[in-house]
Protein backbone atom coordinates (compact mmCIF):
# COMPACT_ATOMS: atom_id res chain seq x y z
CA UNK A 1 -17.97 43.27 1.07
CA UNK A 2 -15.24 43.80 -1.50
CA UNK A 3 -11.76 44.67 -0.38
CA UNK A 4 -12.04 48.25 -1.67
CA UNK A 5 -15.72 48.91 -1.01
CA UNK A 6 -16.69 52.34 0.30
CA UNK A 7 -20.03 52.68 2.02
CA UNK A 8 -21.85 53.91 5.07
CA UNK A 9 -20.86 51.93 8.12
CA UNK A 10 -24.31 50.46 8.76
CA UNK A 11 -24.21 46.85 7.57
CA UNK A 12 -26.29 43.72 7.33
CA UNK A 13 -25.08 40.34 8.55
CA UNK A 14 -25.58 38.91 5.08
CA UNK A 15 -22.85 41.16 3.70
CA UNK A 16 -20.14 39.86 6.03
CA UNK A 17 -17.08 38.05 4.71
CA UNK A 18 -17.21 35.69 7.71
CA UNK A 19 -20.46 35.62 9.65
CA UNK A 20 -20.32 35.56 13.45
CA UNK A 21 -21.24 32.24 15.05
CA UNK A 22 -24.87 31.75 16.04
CA UNK A 23 -26.00 32.21 19.64
CA UNK A 24 -29.61 32.23 20.87
CA UNK A 25 -29.23 34.99 23.50
CA UNK A 26 -26.02 36.90 22.76
CA UNK A 27 -26.60 40.60 22.02
CA UNK A 28 -23.64 41.82 19.96
CA UNK A 29 -25.06 45.34 19.68
CA UNK A 30 -25.49 45.33 23.45
CA UNK A 31 -21.82 44.39 23.91
CA UNK A 32 -20.81 47.29 21.65
CA UNK A 33 -23.03 49.70 23.57
CA UNK A 34 -21.56 48.47 26.87
CA UNK A 35 -18.01 49.01 25.56
CA UNK A 36 -18.86 52.55 24.45
CA UNK A 37 -20.68 53.27 27.71
CA UNK A 38 -17.81 52.19 29.94
CA UNK A 39 -15.56 54.56 27.95
CA UNK A 40 -17.95 57.53 27.96
CA UNK A 41 -19.18 57.26 31.53
CA UNK A 42 -21.69 59.94 32.52
CA UNK A 43 -19.92 62.90 30.83
CA UNK A 44 -18.77 61.66 27.46
CA UNK A 45 -15.36 62.46 25.99
CA UNK A 46 -14.37 65.60 27.86
CA UNK A 47 -11.11 65.93 25.88
CA UNK A 48 -12.96 65.90 22.55
CA UNK A 49 -15.46 68.41 23.84
CA UNK A 50 -12.64 70.70 24.91
CA UNK A 51 -10.43 70.45 21.82
CA UNK A 52 -12.43 69.45 18.74
CA UNK A 53 -15.09 71.63 17.06
CA UNK A 54 -18.35 69.68 16.87
CA UNK A 55 -18.78 69.88 13.08
CA UNK A 56 -15.13 69.46 12.02
CA UNK A 57 -14.61 66.58 9.56
CA UNK A 58 -11.39 64.58 9.14
CA UNK A 59 -9.99 61.41 7.58
CA UNK A 60 -8.28 58.79 9.76
CA UNK A 61 -6.27 55.81 8.53
CA UNK A 62 -5.92 52.30 9.94
CA UNK A 63 -2.25 51.41 10.27
CA UNK A 64 -0.84 47.94 10.92
CA UNK A 65 2.18 48.06 13.21
CA UNK A 66 3.09 44.41 12.81
CA UNK A 67 2.47 41.51 10.45
CA UNK A 68 -0.62 39.39 10.95
CA UNK A 69 -4.19 38.54 9.98
CA UNK A 70 -6.69 41.38 10.28
CA UNK A 71 -10.02 40.65 11.95
CA UNK A 72 -12.81 42.78 13.33
CA UNK A 73 -13.41 44.96 10.28
CA UNK A 74 -17.11 44.12 10.23
CA UNK A 75 -17.35 44.70 13.98
CA UNK A 76 -15.51 48.04 13.62
CA UNK A 77 -18.20 49.13 11.16
CA UNK A 78 -20.86 48.28 13.74
CA UNK A 79 -19.09 50.42 16.35
CA UNK A 80 -18.72 53.39 14.01
CA UNK A 81 -22.38 53.08 13.07
CA UNK A 82 -23.42 53.03 16.72
CA UNK A 83 -21.43 56.21 17.41
CA UNK A 84 -22.38 58.07 14.22
CA UNK A 85 -24.25 56.50 11.27
CA UNK A 86 -22.99 59.27 8.97
CA UNK A 87 -19.37 58.06 9.17
CA UNK A 88 -18.03 56.31 6.09
CA UNK A 89 -15.27 53.74 5.80
CA UNK A 90 -13.08 52.44 3.02
CA UNK A 91 -11.13 49.19 3.36
CA UNK A 92 -8.20 47.92 1.33
CA UNK A 93 -8.24 44.57 3.14
CA UNK A 94 -11.08 42.39 4.41
CA UNK A 95 -11.47 40.19 7.47
CA UNK A 96 -9.07 37.26 7.20
CA UNK A 97 -6.55 39.02 4.93
CA UNK A 98 -2.90 39.39 5.85
CA UNK A 99 -1.41 42.78 6.69
CA UNK A 100 2.20 43.80 7.16
CA UNK A 101 3.91 46.33 9.36
CA UNK A 102 3.45 49.86 8.04
CA UNK A 103 0.45 49.01 5.83
CA UNK A 104 -2.48 51.43 5.68
CA UNK A 105 -5.39 49.04 5.20
CA UNK A 106 -8.43 51.26 5.61
CA UNK A 107 -9.77 54.68 6.48
CA UNK A 108 -12.79 56.31 8.07
CA UNK A 109 -13.97 59.83 7.40
CA UNK A 110 -16.60 62.17 8.78
CA UNK A 111 -17.05 64.10 12.02
CA UNK A 112 -13.74 64.21 13.91
CA UNK A 113 -15.47 64.07 17.29
CA UNK A 114 -17.25 60.83 16.36
CA UNK A 115 -14.11 59.16 14.99
CA UNK A 116 -12.06 59.93 18.10
CA UNK A 117 -14.86 58.78 20.42
CA UNK A 118 -15.12 55.45 18.56
CA UNK A 119 -11.36 54.97 18.11
CA UNK A 120 -10.38 53.08 21.26
CA UNK A 121 -13.37 50.75 21.30
CA UNK A 122 -12.85 49.93 17.61
CA UNK A 123 -9.16 49.24 18.17
CA UNK A 124 -9.73 47.19 21.33
CA UNK A 125 -12.02 44.86 19.39
CA UNK A 126 -9.85 44.75 16.26
CA UNK A 127 -6.54 44.24 18.05
CA UNK A 128 -7.86 41.35 20.14
CA UNK A 129 -9.68 39.74 17.22
CA UNK A 130 -6.69 40.15 14.90
CA UNK A 131 -4.39 38.58 17.49
CA UNK A 132 -6.71 35.58 17.79
CA UNK A 133 -7.07 35.30 14.00
CA UNK A 134 -3.30 35.52 13.50
CA UNK A 135 -2.54 32.70 15.94
CA UNK A 136 -5.46 30.64 14.65
CA UNK A 137 -4.24 30.93 11.07
CA UNK A 138 -0.77 29.73 12.04
CA UNK A 139 -2.16 26.85 14.12
CA UNK A 140 -4.73 25.82 11.51
CA UNK A 141 -2.12 25.70 8.75
CA UNK A 142 0.26 23.66 10.90
CA UNK A 143 -2.47 21.28 12.16
CA UNK A 144 -3.51 19.97 8.75
CA UNK A 145 -5.07 17.55 8.00
CA UNK A 146 -6.67 17.98 11.46
CA UNK A 147 -8.97 20.93 12.16
CA UNK A 148 -8.13 23.46 14.86
CA UNK A 149 -10.73 24.40 17.50
CA UNK A 150 -10.86 26.94 20.30
CA UNK A 151 -12.47 26.21 23.71
CA UNK A 152 -14.72 28.07 26.17
CA UNK A 153 -11.64 29.78 27.62
CA UNK A 154 -12.73 33.15 26.27
CA UNK A 155 -12.87 36.62 27.80
CA UNK A 156 -16.08 36.93 29.86
CA UNK A 157 -18.69 38.75 27.81
CA UNK A 158 -16.69 38.38 24.60
CA UNK A 159 -17.44 34.72 23.85
CA UNK A 160 -19.01 35.35 20.45
CA UNK A 161 -16.40 37.95 19.47
CA UNK A 162 -13.49 35.63 20.33
CA UNK A 163 -15.05 32.69 18.51
CA UNK A 164 -15.82 34.90 15.51
CA UNK A 165 -12.11 35.77 15.31
CA UNK A 166 -11.25 32.05 15.29
CA UNK A 167 -13.49 31.56 12.26
CA UNK A 168 -11.88 34.54 10.52
CA UNK A 169 -8.47 32.98 11.17
CA UNK A 170 -9.46 29.72 9.49
CA UNK A 171 -10.30 27.64 12.56
CA UNK A 172 -13.56 25.98 13.50
CA UNK A 173 -15.72 26.59 16.54
CA UNK A 174 -16.10 24.12 19.39
CA UNK A 175 -19.38 24.33 21.32
CA UNK A 176 -20.57 27.87 21.94
CA UNK A 177 -21.54 27.21 25.54
CA UNK A 178 -23.16 24.75 27.91
CA UNK A 179 -26.38 24.61 25.90
CA UNK A 180 -25.53 23.46 22.39
CA UNK A 181 -23.52 20.28 22.91
CA UNK A 182 -23.22 17.60 25.58
CA UNK A 183 -19.62 17.42 26.74
CA UNK A 184 -18.99 14.77 29.40
CA UNK A 185 -15.81 15.78 31.18
CA UNK A 186 -13.79 14.25 34.01
CA UNK A 187 -15.88 15.78 36.80
CA UNK A 188 -19.13 14.56 35.22
CA UNK A 189 -17.65 11.06 34.93
CA UNK A 190 -16.44 11.07 38.55
CA UNK A 191 -19.81 12.25 39.90
CA UNK A 192 -21.77 9.82 37.72
CA UNK A 193 -19.67 6.88 38.93
CA UNK A 194 -17.83 6.06 35.73
CA UNK A 195 -17.96 6.32 31.96
CA UNK A 196 -20.76 3.83 31.37
CA UNK A 197 -23.02 5.46 33.96
CA UNK A 198 -22.37 8.91 32.52
CA UNK A 199 -23.13 7.75 28.97
CA UNK A 200 -26.32 5.96 30.05
CA UNK A 201 -27.52 9.10 31.82
CA UNK A 202 -26.85 11.30 28.78
CA UNK A 203 -28.54 8.89 26.36
CA UNK A 204 -31.59 8.72 28.62
CA UNK A 205 -31.75 12.49 29.09
CA UNK A 206 -31.59 13.21 25.36
CA UNK A 207 -34.22 10.57 24.61
CA UNK A 208 -36.60 11.80 27.32
CA UNK A 209 -36.27 15.40 26.21
CA UNK A 210 -36.35 14.63 22.47
CA UNK A 211 -33.02 16.42 21.95
CA UNK A 212 -30.57 15.83 19.13
CA UNK A 213 -27.10 17.35 19.52
CA UNK A 214 -23.47 16.40 19.46
CA UNK A 215 -22.18 14.37 22.41
CA UNK A 216 -18.51 14.33 23.33
CA UNK A 217 -16.89 12.36 26.12
CA UNK A 218 -13.46 13.01 27.57
CA UNK A 219 -11.03 10.12 27.97
CA UNK A 220 -7.67 10.31 29.70
CA UNK A 221 -6.37 6.76 29.32
CA UNK A 222 -6.52 4.00 26.74
CA UNK A 223 -8.60 2.03 29.23
CA UNK A 224 -11.22 4.78 29.19
CA UNK A 225 -11.23 4.71 25.39
CA UNK A 226 -11.88 0.96 25.57
CA UNK A 227 -14.75 1.60 28.01
CA UNK A 228 -16.42 4.04 25.61
CA UNK A 229 -16.01 1.65 22.68
CA UNK A 230 -17.35 -1.27 24.72
CA UNK A 231 -20.39 0.72 25.79
CA UNK A 232 -21.04 1.79 22.20
CA UNK A 233 -20.78 -1.81 21.01
CA UNK A 234 -23.42 -2.94 23.52
CA UNK A 235 -26.06 -0.24 23.05
CA UNK A 236 -27.18 2.49 20.71
CA UNK A 237 -25.52 5.68 21.91
CA UNK A 238 -25.66 9.37 21.09
CA UNK A 239 -21.86 9.78 21.36
CA UNK A 240 -20.39 11.54 18.32
CA UNK A 241 -16.87 12.46 19.45
CA UNK A 242 -14.23 11.17 21.84
CA UNK A 243 -11.81 13.64 23.40
CA UNK A 244 -8.30 12.28 23.91
CA UNK A 245 -7.13 14.47 26.75
CA UNK A 246 -3.45 14.89 27.59
CA UNK A 247 -2.43 11.92 25.47
CA UNK A 248 0.23 14.18 24.00
CA UNK A 249 3.19 13.75 26.35
CA UNK A 250 5.73 16.58 26.58
CA UNK A 251 9.40 15.72 26.10
CA UNK A 252 12.58 17.75 26.46
CA UNK A 253 13.35 20.69 24.18
CA UNK A 254 9.69 21.30 23.32
CA UNK A 255 9.12 17.98 21.58
CA UNK A 256 6.15 15.71 22.29
CA UNK A 257 5.41 12.00 22.23
CA UNK A 258 2.17 11.28 20.34
CA UNK A 259 2.36 7.47 20.42
CA UNK A 260 -0.48 7.16 22.97
CA UNK A 261 -2.63 9.53 20.93
CA UNK A 262 -1.98 7.52 17.76
CA UNK A 263 -2.89 4.28 19.51
CA UNK A 264 -6.16 5.78 20.73
CA UNK A 265 -7.02 7.01 17.22
CA UNK A 266 -6.29 3.54 15.82
CA UNK A 267 -8.50 1.94 18.47
CA UNK A 268 -11.40 4.21 17.56
CA UNK A 269 -10.74 3.55 13.88
CA UNK A 270 -13.14 6.14 12.50
CA UNK A 271 -16.17 4.99 14.50
CA UNK A 272 -16.31 8.42 16.17
CA UNK A 273 -14.76 11.82 15.62
CA UNK A 274 -11.67 12.34 17.73
CA UNK A 275 -10.28 15.43 19.42
CA UNK A 276 -6.81 15.90 20.86
CA UNK A 277 -6.50 18.26 23.82
CA UNK A 278 -3.59 19.25 26.03
CA UNK A 279 0.02 20.30 25.32
CA UNK A 280 -1.05 21.94 22.06
CA UNK A 281 1.25 24.75 20.95
CA UNK A 282 2.36 26.22 17.65
CA UNK A 283 5.50 24.05 17.96
CA UNK A 284 3.64 20.80 18.65
CA UNK A 285 0.43 21.10 16.64
CA UNK A 286 1.91 19.79 13.37
CA UNK A 287 3.08 16.56 14.96
CA UNK A 288 -0.29 16.16 16.68
CA UNK A 289 -2.08 16.76 13.38
CA UNK A 290 -0.19 13.88 11.76
CA UNK A 291 -1.77 11.40 14.20
CA UNK A 292 -4.97 11.25 12.08
CA UNK A 293 -6.98 12.84 14.88
CA UNK A 294 -10.05 14.73 13.55
CA UNK A 295 -9.78 17.88 15.66
CA UNK A 296 -7.21 19.61 17.85
CA UNK A 297 -8.50 22.02 20.51
CA UNK A 298 -6.43 24.74 22.13
CA UNK A 299 -7.49 27.18 24.83
CA UNK A 300 -4.46 29.33 24.05
CA UNK A 301 -6.17 30.67 20.92
CA UNK A 302 -8.35 32.88 23.11
CA UNK A 303 -7.32 32.80 26.77
CA UNK A 304 -3.82 34.26 26.46
CA UNK A 305 -3.69 35.75 22.99
CA UNK A 306 -1.32 38.59 22.11
CA UNK A 307 -3.19 41.49 20.52
CA UNK A 308 -2.07 42.59 17.06
CA UNK A 309 -0.77 46.16 17.12
CA UNK A 310 -3.06 48.39 15.05
CA UNK A 311 -3.59 52.15 15.23
CA UNK A 312 -6.00 54.71 13.79
CA UNK A 313 -4.25 57.96 12.88
CA UNK A 314 -5.35 61.25 11.38
CA UNK A 315 -1.77 62.40 10.72
CA UNK A 316 -0.49 59.20 9.13
CA UNK A 317 2.78 60.71 7.92
CA UNK A 318 3.82 61.63 11.45
CA UNK A 319 2.53 58.32 12.80
CA UNK A 320 4.75 56.41 10.35
CA UNK A 321 7.74 58.61 11.25
CA UNK A 322 7.25 57.90 14.94
CA UNK A 323 6.62 54.23 14.18
CA UNK A 324 9.91 53.91 12.35
CA UNK A 325 11.69 55.61 15.22
CA UNK A 326 10.21 53.16 17.72
CA UNK A 327 10.38 50.18 15.33
CA UNK A 328 6.56 49.84 15.47
CA UNK A 329 5.79 50.66 11.84
């Protein structure tokens, strides 16, 4: 989709700027329908019915109220299409582009009733996704040469949407769920009776079930890193990545000590991918990225994100006037 393309809001996945991540059971259209249904209830929009003539047509403009990375444009089109396929949109930015406070970056036109009904659901998706994309972009830029990942700490029911926003922001996706990657964490290790036992069990399970997928194991100490490396030196293993958990030690004034992380990365010496986790913030991610770790994962990208302030206004002139008065445009 070009930045200035005008077309009916129905779209095909192949036309997306950034495709959503794959999931074998996730129903994105179903999520949209659920969002619209929880808004409409059993009566629909009673305010629209009372105030807006059914066939009236209007033009509404998307307005950024703060600087950031816009995301959710493709999803907004899906929502508009679900409400009323006759609506048309025009965008001046695309998913992943930067916007600044006061910028009109798109418009939708058609039946007023349909636009107002779709408005809040569209904005809820776009504001959350844009907030995630904005933080991801900042973290990904600062993390270089490491790659930034999110985690499974996503809003329930919005897993694919949240992870889609991470991709739009320039990050990469960690595993989608429990089904697409083996991730041996501390509780698995404790229950299995240690790292070697856990790894043996995973290798056997994958072999018996003829499965090929990424295998990551969490380590919390340098001794545990040594145990993984020793196991791998003694037998053929399916391990592909070692997580180095909480090896970034917080110091005073927001600084961190990454010496333990660096030592672990040197021990592994490229034999496996590495992933740093814990104490990752926008202030610390650059220092962590300089450790030569492959990936840096951060739950904060999705679990506590600040939404980007975006509005959809029919009277844009008045909206900008009010925005200037309240310092929100």
